[in-house]
Every structure is written in structure tokens, then in C-alpha cells.
Amino acid sequence: MAEDNTNHTDQPSHAQLIISEVELLLSEKRTALSVMRTGIAVFALPLSVFSILIATSKYYTVAHVILWLVVIGLLCLGLILLGGYLVIRSLIRLHKLDDRIVLMKDRLKEMPGWISWGK
């Protein structure tokens, strides 16, 4: 009688593949959170610029620096739009990733031999 020397751990099981996919989704989620953090920082920059302009408004007259105020205003508007886009895009991405993680967890729970340790 010949012994079977093949190692069954060489090939990952279906549960291990699902767990690996969930780990990949969690790393994508971390990336989406860092994009959101960047968007919030970009969004906050124009607010600080406007607060500096308001705080120093007694040192200049608007008529003399109107061109600079328009340029700074347009730049700040662009930064606000970019920050808003990054935050909204990352929120949408986070919701999609959460839905996929829930699907993966449900697939894992349907597998035979699944032991539930709580919720």
C-alpha cells in the first residue's frame, strides 16, 4: 500500500481564498480612508487662507488687491471642489467595499464547518 505524500496545505482552501480576498478589500478600504483624509486636508486649506485674508483685511484695501483676491478665490474654489470630490469618491468607495466584505463574510458562513464566534 503506497502512502500519499502530497501535502494538502499546498493548495489553499476555498475559505483561505475568501479570507485573503477580505484582507485585500480591507487594504483597499485603508487606501480609501487615506484618500478621504487627504481630501479633508485639501478642503481645509482654503478655509485657513480665507481666515488669514479676513484677519489681515485691515492692512489692505480691496480696490488695490482685487486681482490677487480673485486669483486666490479661484484657487480656493478649485481646492474646495477637489477636496469635496476626494471625500465623496472615497465615501462611495468605502460603502462599496463594505458591501463586498459583507458578501464575502456571508459566503464564508455558508461553508461547511463554519464556527460562529458571535455575531
N, C-alpha and C. Protein backbone atom coordinates (compact mmCIF):
# COMPACT_ATOMS: atom_id res chain seq x y z
N MET A 1 0.84 -1.17 0.00
CA MET A 1 0.00 0.00 0.00
C MET A 1 0.89 1.24 0.00
N ALA A 2 0.72 2.05 -0.99
CA ALA A 2 1.57 3.25 -1.15
C ALA A 2 0.99 4.40 -0.34
N GLU A 3 1.88 5.11 0.31
CA GLU A 3 1.45 6.26 1.10
C GLU A 3 1.33 7.48 0.21
N ASP A 4 0.37 8.29 0.52
CA ASP A 4 0.17 9.54 -0.21
C ASP A 4 0.98 10.63 0.49
N ASN A 5 2.09 11.04 -0.12
CA ASN A 5 2.98 12.02 0.50
C ASN A 5 2.66 13.45 0.10
N THR A 6 1.58 13.66 -0.62
CA THR A 6 1.25 15.02 -1.04
C THR A 6 0.74 15.80 0.16
N ASN A 7 1.14 17.00 0.22
CA ASN A 7 0.73 17.89 1.31
C ASN A 7 -0.52 18.65 0.86
N HIS A 8 -1.60 18.48 1.56
CA HIS A 8 -2.85 19.13 1.18
C HIS A 8 -2.87 20.61 1.51
N THR A 9 -1.89 21.08 2.23
CA THR A 9 -1.85 22.51 2.55
C THR A 9 -1.17 23.31 1.45
N ASP A 10 -0.65 22.63 0.40
CA ASP A 10 -0.04 23.36 -0.70
C ASP A 10 -1.08 24.17 -1.46
N GLN A 11 -2.26 23.62 -1.60
CA GLN A 11 -3.32 24.33 -2.29
C GLN A 11 -4.22 24.99 -1.26
N PRO A 12 -4.43 26.31 -1.39
CA PRO A 12 -5.28 26.97 -0.41
C PRO A 12 -6.73 26.53 -0.53
N SER A 13 -7.37 26.42 0.59
CA SER A 13 -8.77 26.03 0.58
C SER A 13 -9.63 27.21 0.16
N HIS A 14 -10.88 26.92 -0.09
CA HIS A 14 -11.81 27.97 -0.51
C HIS A 14 -11.96 29.02 0.59
N ALA A 15 -11.97 28.59 1.84
CA ALA A 15 -12.09 29.54 2.95
C ALA A 15 -10.87 30.44 3.03
N GLN A 16 -9.69 29.89 2.79
CA GLN A 16 -8.48 30.71 2.82
C GLN A 16 -8.49 31.74 1.70
N LEU A 17 -9.03 31.38 0.54
CA LEU A 17 -9.13 32.33 -0.56
C LEU A 17 -10.08 33.48 -0.22
N ILE A 18 -11.19 33.14 0.43
CA ILE A 18 -12.14 34.17 0.82
C ILE A 18 -11.52 35.10 1.85
N ILE A 19 -10.80 34.53 2.81
CA ILE A 19 -10.15 35.35 3.83
C ILE A 19 -9.09 36.25 3.20
N SER A 20 -8.35 35.73 2.24
CA SER A 20 -7.35 36.55 1.54
C SER A 20 -8.02 37.69 0.77
N GLU A 21 -9.16 37.39 0.16
CA GLU A 21 -9.88 38.44 -0.57
C GLU A 21 -10.40 39.52 0.38
N VAL A 22 -10.86 39.11 1.55
CA VAL A 22 -11.32 40.09 2.54
C VAL A 22 -10.14 40.95 3.01
N GLU A 23 -8.98 40.33 3.20
CA GLU A 23 -7.79 41.11 3.57
C GLU A 23 -7.44 42.13 2.49
N LEU A 24 -7.57 41.73 1.22
CA LEU A 24 -7.32 42.66 0.12
C LEU A 24 -8.34 43.79 0.13
N LEU A 25 -9.59 43.47 0.38
CA LEU A 25 -10.62 44.51 0.45
C LEU A 25 -10.37 45.46 1.62
N LEU A 26 -9.87 44.93 2.73
CA LEU A 26 -9.55 45.80 3.86
C LEU A 26 -8.38 46.73 3.55
N SER A 27 -7.42 46.26 2.78
CA SER A 27 -6.32 47.14 2.40
C SER A 27 -6.81 48.22 1.43
N GLU A 28 -7.74 47.88 0.55
CA GLU A 28 -8.35 48.89 -0.32
C GLU A 28 -9.14 49.89 0.51
N LYS A 29 -9.75 49.41 1.57
CA LYS A 29 -10.50 50.30 2.45
C LYS A 29 -9.56 51.28 3.15
N ARG A 30 -8.40 50.82 3.58
CA ARG A 30 -7.41 51.73 4.18
C ARG A 30 -6.97 52.79 3.18
N THR A 31 -6.82 52.40 1.92
CA THR A 31 -6.45 53.36 0.88
C THR A 31 -7.54 54.39 0.69
N ALA A 32 -8.79 53.95 0.68
CA ALA A 32 -9.91 54.89 0.53
C ALA A 32 -9.97 55.85 1.72
N LEU A 33 -9.66 55.35 2.91
CA LEU A 33 -9.64 56.23 4.09
C LEU A 33 -8.51 57.25 4.01
N SER A 34 -7.38 56.86 3.45
CA SER A 34 -6.28 57.83 3.31
C SER A 34 -6.61 58.87 2.25
N VAL A 35 -7.34 58.48 1.19
CA VAL A 35 -7.79 59.45 0.20
C VAL A 35 -8.77 60.42 0.84
N MET A 36 -9.64 59.92 1.71
CA MET A 36 -10.58 60.80 2.41
C MET A 36 -9.83 61.77 3.32
N ARG A 37 -8.81 61.28 4.01
CA ARG A 37 -8.02 62.16 4.87
C ARG A 37 -7.35 63.26 4.06
N THR A 38 -6.83 62.91 2.88
CA THR A 38 -6.22 63.90 2.00
C THR A 38 -7.24 64.90 1.51
N GLY A 39 -8.43 64.43 1.17
CA GLY A 39 -9.49 65.32 0.72
C GLY A 39 -9.91 66.31 1.80
N ILE A 40 -9.97 65.84 3.02
CA ILE A 40 -10.33 66.74 4.13
C ILE A 40 -9.25 67.79 4.33
N ALA A 41 -7.99 67.40 4.20
CA ALA A 41 -6.89 68.36 4.35
C ALA A 41 -6.91 69.38 3.23
N VAL A 42 -7.17 68.93 1.99
CA VAL A 42 -7.25 69.85 0.85
C VAL A 42 -8.44 70.77 1.01
N PHE A 43 -9.53 70.26 1.55
CA PHE A 43 -10.74 71.06 1.76
C PHE A 43 -10.52 72.10 2.85
N ALA A 44 -9.70 71.80 3.85
CA ALA A 44 -9.48 72.72 4.97
C ALA A 44 -8.51 73.84 4.62
N LEU A 45 -7.65 73.64 3.64
CA LEU A 45 -6.68 74.66 3.28
C LEU A 45 -7.32 75.99 2.86
N PRO A 46 -8.33 76.00 1.98
CA PRO A 46 -8.96 77.29 1.62
C PRO A 46 -9.61 77.98 2.81
N LEU A 47 -10.13 77.22 3.75
CA LEU A 47 -10.74 77.85 4.93
C LEU A 47 -9.71 78.63 5.73
N SER A 48 -8.51 78.06 5.85
CA SER A 48 -7.46 78.78 6.58
C SER A 48 -6.97 79.99 5.79
N VAL A 49 -6.91 79.88 4.46
CA VAL A 49 -6.49 81.02 3.64
C VAL A 49 -7.49 82.16 3.77
N PHE A 50 -8.78 81.83 3.71
CA PHE A 50 -9.80 82.88 3.86
C PHE A 50 -9.78 83.50 5.25
N SER A 51 -9.51 82.69 6.26
CA SER A 51 -9.46 83.27 7.61
C SER A 51 -8.26 84.21 7.75
N ILE A 52 -7.15 83.89 7.11
CA ILE A 52 -5.99 84.80 7.13
C ILE A 52 -6.31 86.08 6.38
N LEU A 53 -6.99 85.96 5.23
CA LEU A 53 -7.36 87.16 4.48
C LEU A 53 -8.30 88.06 5.28
N ILE A 54 -9.23 87.46 5.99
CA ILE A 54 -10.16 88.25 6.80
C ILE A 54 -9.43 88.89 7.98
N ALA A 55 -8.53 88.13 8.60
CA ALA A 55 -7.80 88.66 9.76
C ALA A 55 -6.87 89.80 9.38
N THR A 56 -6.35 89.79 8.17
CA THR A 56 -5.41 90.84 7.74
C THR A 56 -6.08 91.89 6.87
N SER A 57 -7.39 91.90 6.81
CA SER A 57 -8.09 92.81 5.90
C SER A 57 -7.91 94.28 6.26
N LYS A 58 -7.57 94.59 7.47
CA LYS A 58 -7.40 96.00 7.84
C LYS A 58 -6.08 96.56 7.32
N TYR A 59 -5.18 95.69 6.83
CA TYR A 59 -3.89 96.14 6.32
C TYR A 59 -3.87 96.39 4.81
N TYR A 60 -4.98 96.14 4.13
CA TYR A 60 -5.03 96.39 2.69
C TYR A 60 -6.42 96.88 2.31
N THR A 61 -6.51 97.50 1.17
CA THR A 61 -7.81 97.90 0.63
C THR A 61 -8.14 96.96 -0.52
N VAL A 62 -9.38 96.59 -0.60
CA VAL A 62 -9.83 95.62 -1.60
C VAL A 62 -9.60 96.15 -3.01
N ALA A 63 -9.76 97.44 -3.22
CA ALA A 63 -9.59 98.01 -4.56
C ALA A 63 -8.17 97.82 -5.08
N HIS A 64 -7.17 97.87 -4.22
CA HIS A 64 -5.78 97.74 -4.65
C HIS A 64 -5.37 96.29 -4.91
N VAL A 65 -6.01 95.34 -4.25
CA VAL A 65 -5.59 93.93 -4.37
C VAL A 65 -6.70 93.05 -4.93
N ILE A 66 -7.63 93.63 -5.67
CA ILE A 66 -8.77 92.85 -6.18
C ILE A 66 -8.31 91.71 -7.10
N LEU A 67 -7.28 91.96 -7.92
CA LEU A 67 -6.79 90.91 -8.81
C LEU A 67 -6.25 89.72 -8.01
N TRP A 68 -5.48 89.99 -6.97
CA TRP A 68 -4.96 88.92 -6.12
C TRP A 68 -6.08 88.19 -5.39
N LEU A 69 -7.08 88.93 -4.94
CA LEU A 69 -8.21 88.29 -4.24
C LEU A 69 -8.99 87.39 -5.18
N VAL A 70 -9.16 87.80 -6.43
CA VAL A 70 -9.87 86.97 -7.40
C VAL A 70 -9.07 85.69 -7.69
N VAL A 71 -7.76 85.84 -7.88
CA VAL A 71 -6.92 84.67 -8.14
C VAL A 71 -6.93 83.71 -6.96
N ILE A 72 -6.77 84.25 -5.76
CA ILE A 72 -6.80 83.41 -4.56
C ILE A 72 -8.18 82.78 -4.38
N GLY A 73 -9.23 83.54 -4.66
CA GLY A 73 -10.59 82.99 -4.56
C GLY A 73 -10.82 81.85 -5.52
N LEU A 74 -10.34 81.99 -6.77
CA LEU A 74 -10.50 80.90 -7.75
C LEU A 74 -9.66 79.68 -7.36
N LEU A 75 -8.46 79.93 -6.87
CA LEU A 75 -7.62 78.82 -6.41
C LEU A 75 -8.27 78.09 -5.24
N CYS A 76 -8.82 78.85 -4.31
CA CYS A 76 -9.50 78.23 -3.16
C CYS A 76 -10.75 77.48 -3.59
N LEU A 77 -11.48 78.02 -4.56
CA LEU A 77 -12.66 77.32 -5.08
C LEU A 77 -12.25 75.99 -5.71
N GLY A 78 -11.15 76.01 -6.47
CA GLY A 78 -10.65 74.76 -7.05
C GLY A 78 -10.26 73.75 -5.99
N LEU A 79 -9.62 74.22 -4.92
CA LEU A 79 -9.23 73.31 -3.84
C LEU A 79 -10.45 72.76 -3.10
N ILE A 80 -11.47 73.59 -2.93
CA ILE A 80 -12.70 73.13 -2.27
C ILE A 80 -13.37 72.05 -3.12
N LEU A 81 -13.42 72.28 -4.44
CA LEU A 81 -14.03 71.28 -5.32
C LEU A 81 -13.21 69.99 -5.33
N LEU A 82 -11.88 70.10 -5.37
CA LEU A 82 -11.04 68.91 -5.35
C LEU A 82 -11.20 68.14 -4.04
N GLY A 83 -11.19 68.85 -2.91
CA GLY A 83 -11.36 68.19 -1.62
C GLY A 83 -12.72 67.52 -1.50
N GLY A 84 -13.76 68.20 -1.95
CA GLY A 84 -15.10 67.61 -1.93
C GLY A 84 -15.18 66.37 -2.80
N TYR A 85 -14.56 66.44 -3.99
CA TYR A 85 -14.56 65.28 -4.88
C TYR A 85 -13.86 64.08 -4.23
N LEU A 86 -12.70 64.33 -3.63
CA LEU A 86 -11.96 63.24 -2.99
C LEU A 86 -12.73 62.61 -1.84
N VAL A 87 -13.38 63.44 -1.03
CA VAL A 87 -14.14 62.92 0.11
C VAL A 87 -15.34 62.12 -0.38
N ILE A 88 -16.09 62.66 -1.34
CA ILE A 88 -17.29 61.96 -1.83
C ILE A 88 -16.89 60.66 -2.53
N ARG A 89 -15.83 60.70 -3.34
CA ARG A 89 -15.38 59.50 -4.03
C ARG A 89 -14.95 58.42 -3.04
N SER A 90 -14.26 58.81 -1.99
CA SER A 90 -13.82 57.80 -1.01
C SER A 90 -14.99 57.27 -0.20
N LEU A 91 -16.00 58.10 0.09
CA LEU A 91 -17.19 57.61 0.80
C LEU A 91 -17.93 56.57 -0.03
N ILE A 92 -18.08 56.84 -1.32
CA ILE A 92 -18.75 55.88 -2.21
C ILE A 92 -17.95 54.59 -2.27
N ARG A 93 -16.63 54.72 -2.38
CA ARG A 93 -15.77 53.54 -2.45
C ARG A 93 -15.84 52.73 -1.14
N LEU A 94 -15.88 53.42 0.00
CA LEU A 94 -15.98 52.73 1.28
C LEU A 94 -17.27 51.93 1.39
N HIS A 95 -18.37 52.50 0.94
CA HIS A 95 -19.66 51.78 1.00
C HIS A 95 -19.63 50.54 0.10
N LYS A 96 -19.04 50.67 -1.08
CA LYS A 96 -18.95 49.51 -1.98
C LYS A 96 -18.07 48.42 -1.37
N LEU A 97 -16.95 48.83 -0.77
CA LEU A 97 -16.07 47.85 -0.15
C LEU A 97 -16.73 47.17 1.04
N ASP A 98 -17.48 47.93 1.84
CA ASP A 98 -18.21 47.33 2.96
C ASP A 98 -19.22 46.30 2.47
N ASP A 99 -19.92 46.62 1.39
CA ASP A 99 -20.89 45.67 0.84
C ASP A 99 -20.20 44.39 0.36
N ARG A 100 -19.05 44.52 -0.29
CA ARG A 100 -18.33 43.34 -0.75
C ARG A 100 -17.80 42.52 0.41
N ILE A 101 -17.38 43.18 1.48
CA ILE A 101 -16.88 42.44 2.65
C ILE A 101 -18.02 41.66 3.29
N VAL A 102 -19.20 42.26 3.37
CA VAL A 102 -20.36 41.55 3.92
C VAL A 102 -20.69 40.33 3.07
N LEU A 103 -20.61 40.47 1.74
CA LEU A 103 -20.87 39.33 0.86
C LEU A 103 -19.84 38.22 1.09
N MET A 104 -18.59 38.59 1.25
CA MET A 104 -17.56 37.59 1.49
C MET A 104 -17.78 36.88 2.83
N LYS A 105 -18.18 37.64 3.85
CA LYS A 105 -18.46 37.03 5.15
C LYS A 105 -19.64 36.08 5.06
N ASP A 106 -20.66 36.45 4.29
CA ASP A 106 -21.81 35.56 4.13
C ASP A 106 -21.41 34.29 3.38
N ARG A 107 -20.56 34.42 2.37
CA ARG A 107 -20.09 33.22 1.66
C ARG A 107 -19.29 32.32 2.58
N LEU A 108 -18.51 32.92 3.47
CA LEU A 108 -17.71 32.13 4.39
C LEU A 108 -18.59 31.42 5.42
N LYS A 109 -19.66 32.10 5.86
CA LYS A 109 -20.56 31.49 6.84
C LYS A 109 -21.34 30.32 6.25
N GLU A 110 -21.56 30.32 4.94
CA GLU A 110 -22.31 29.24 4.29
C GLU A 110 -21.47 27.99 4.09
N MET A 111 -20.17 28.11 4.28
CA MET A 111 -19.31 26.95 4.07
C MET A 111 -19.48 25.93 5.18
N PRO A 112 -19.34 24.65 4.85
CA PRO A 112 -19.44 23.63 5.90
C PRO A 112 -18.27 23.74 6.87
N GLY A 113 -18.55 23.50 8.13
CA GLY A 113 -17.53 23.55 9.15
C GLY A 113 -17.31 24.94 9.72
N TRP A 114 -18.15 25.89 9.33
CA TRP A 114 -18.02 27.27 9.83
C TRP A 114 -18.44 27.30 11.29
N ILE A 115 -17.62 27.90 12.12
CA ILE A 115 -17.91 28.05 13.53
C ILE A 115 -18.14 29.52 13.80
N SER A 116 -19.28 29.86 14.30
CA SER A 116 -19.59 31.25 14.60
C SER A 116 -19.16 31.56 16.02
N TRP A 117 -18.40 32.65 16.18
CA TRP A 117 -17.91 33.04 17.50
C TRP A 117 -18.64 34.25 18.02
N GLY A 118 -19.78 34.53 17.52
CA GLY A 118 -20.54 35.69 17.98
C GLY A 118 -21.49 36.12 16.90
N LYS A 119 -21.52 37.43 16.66
CA LYS A 119 -22.46 37.98 15.68
C LYS A 119 -22.22 37.45 14.31
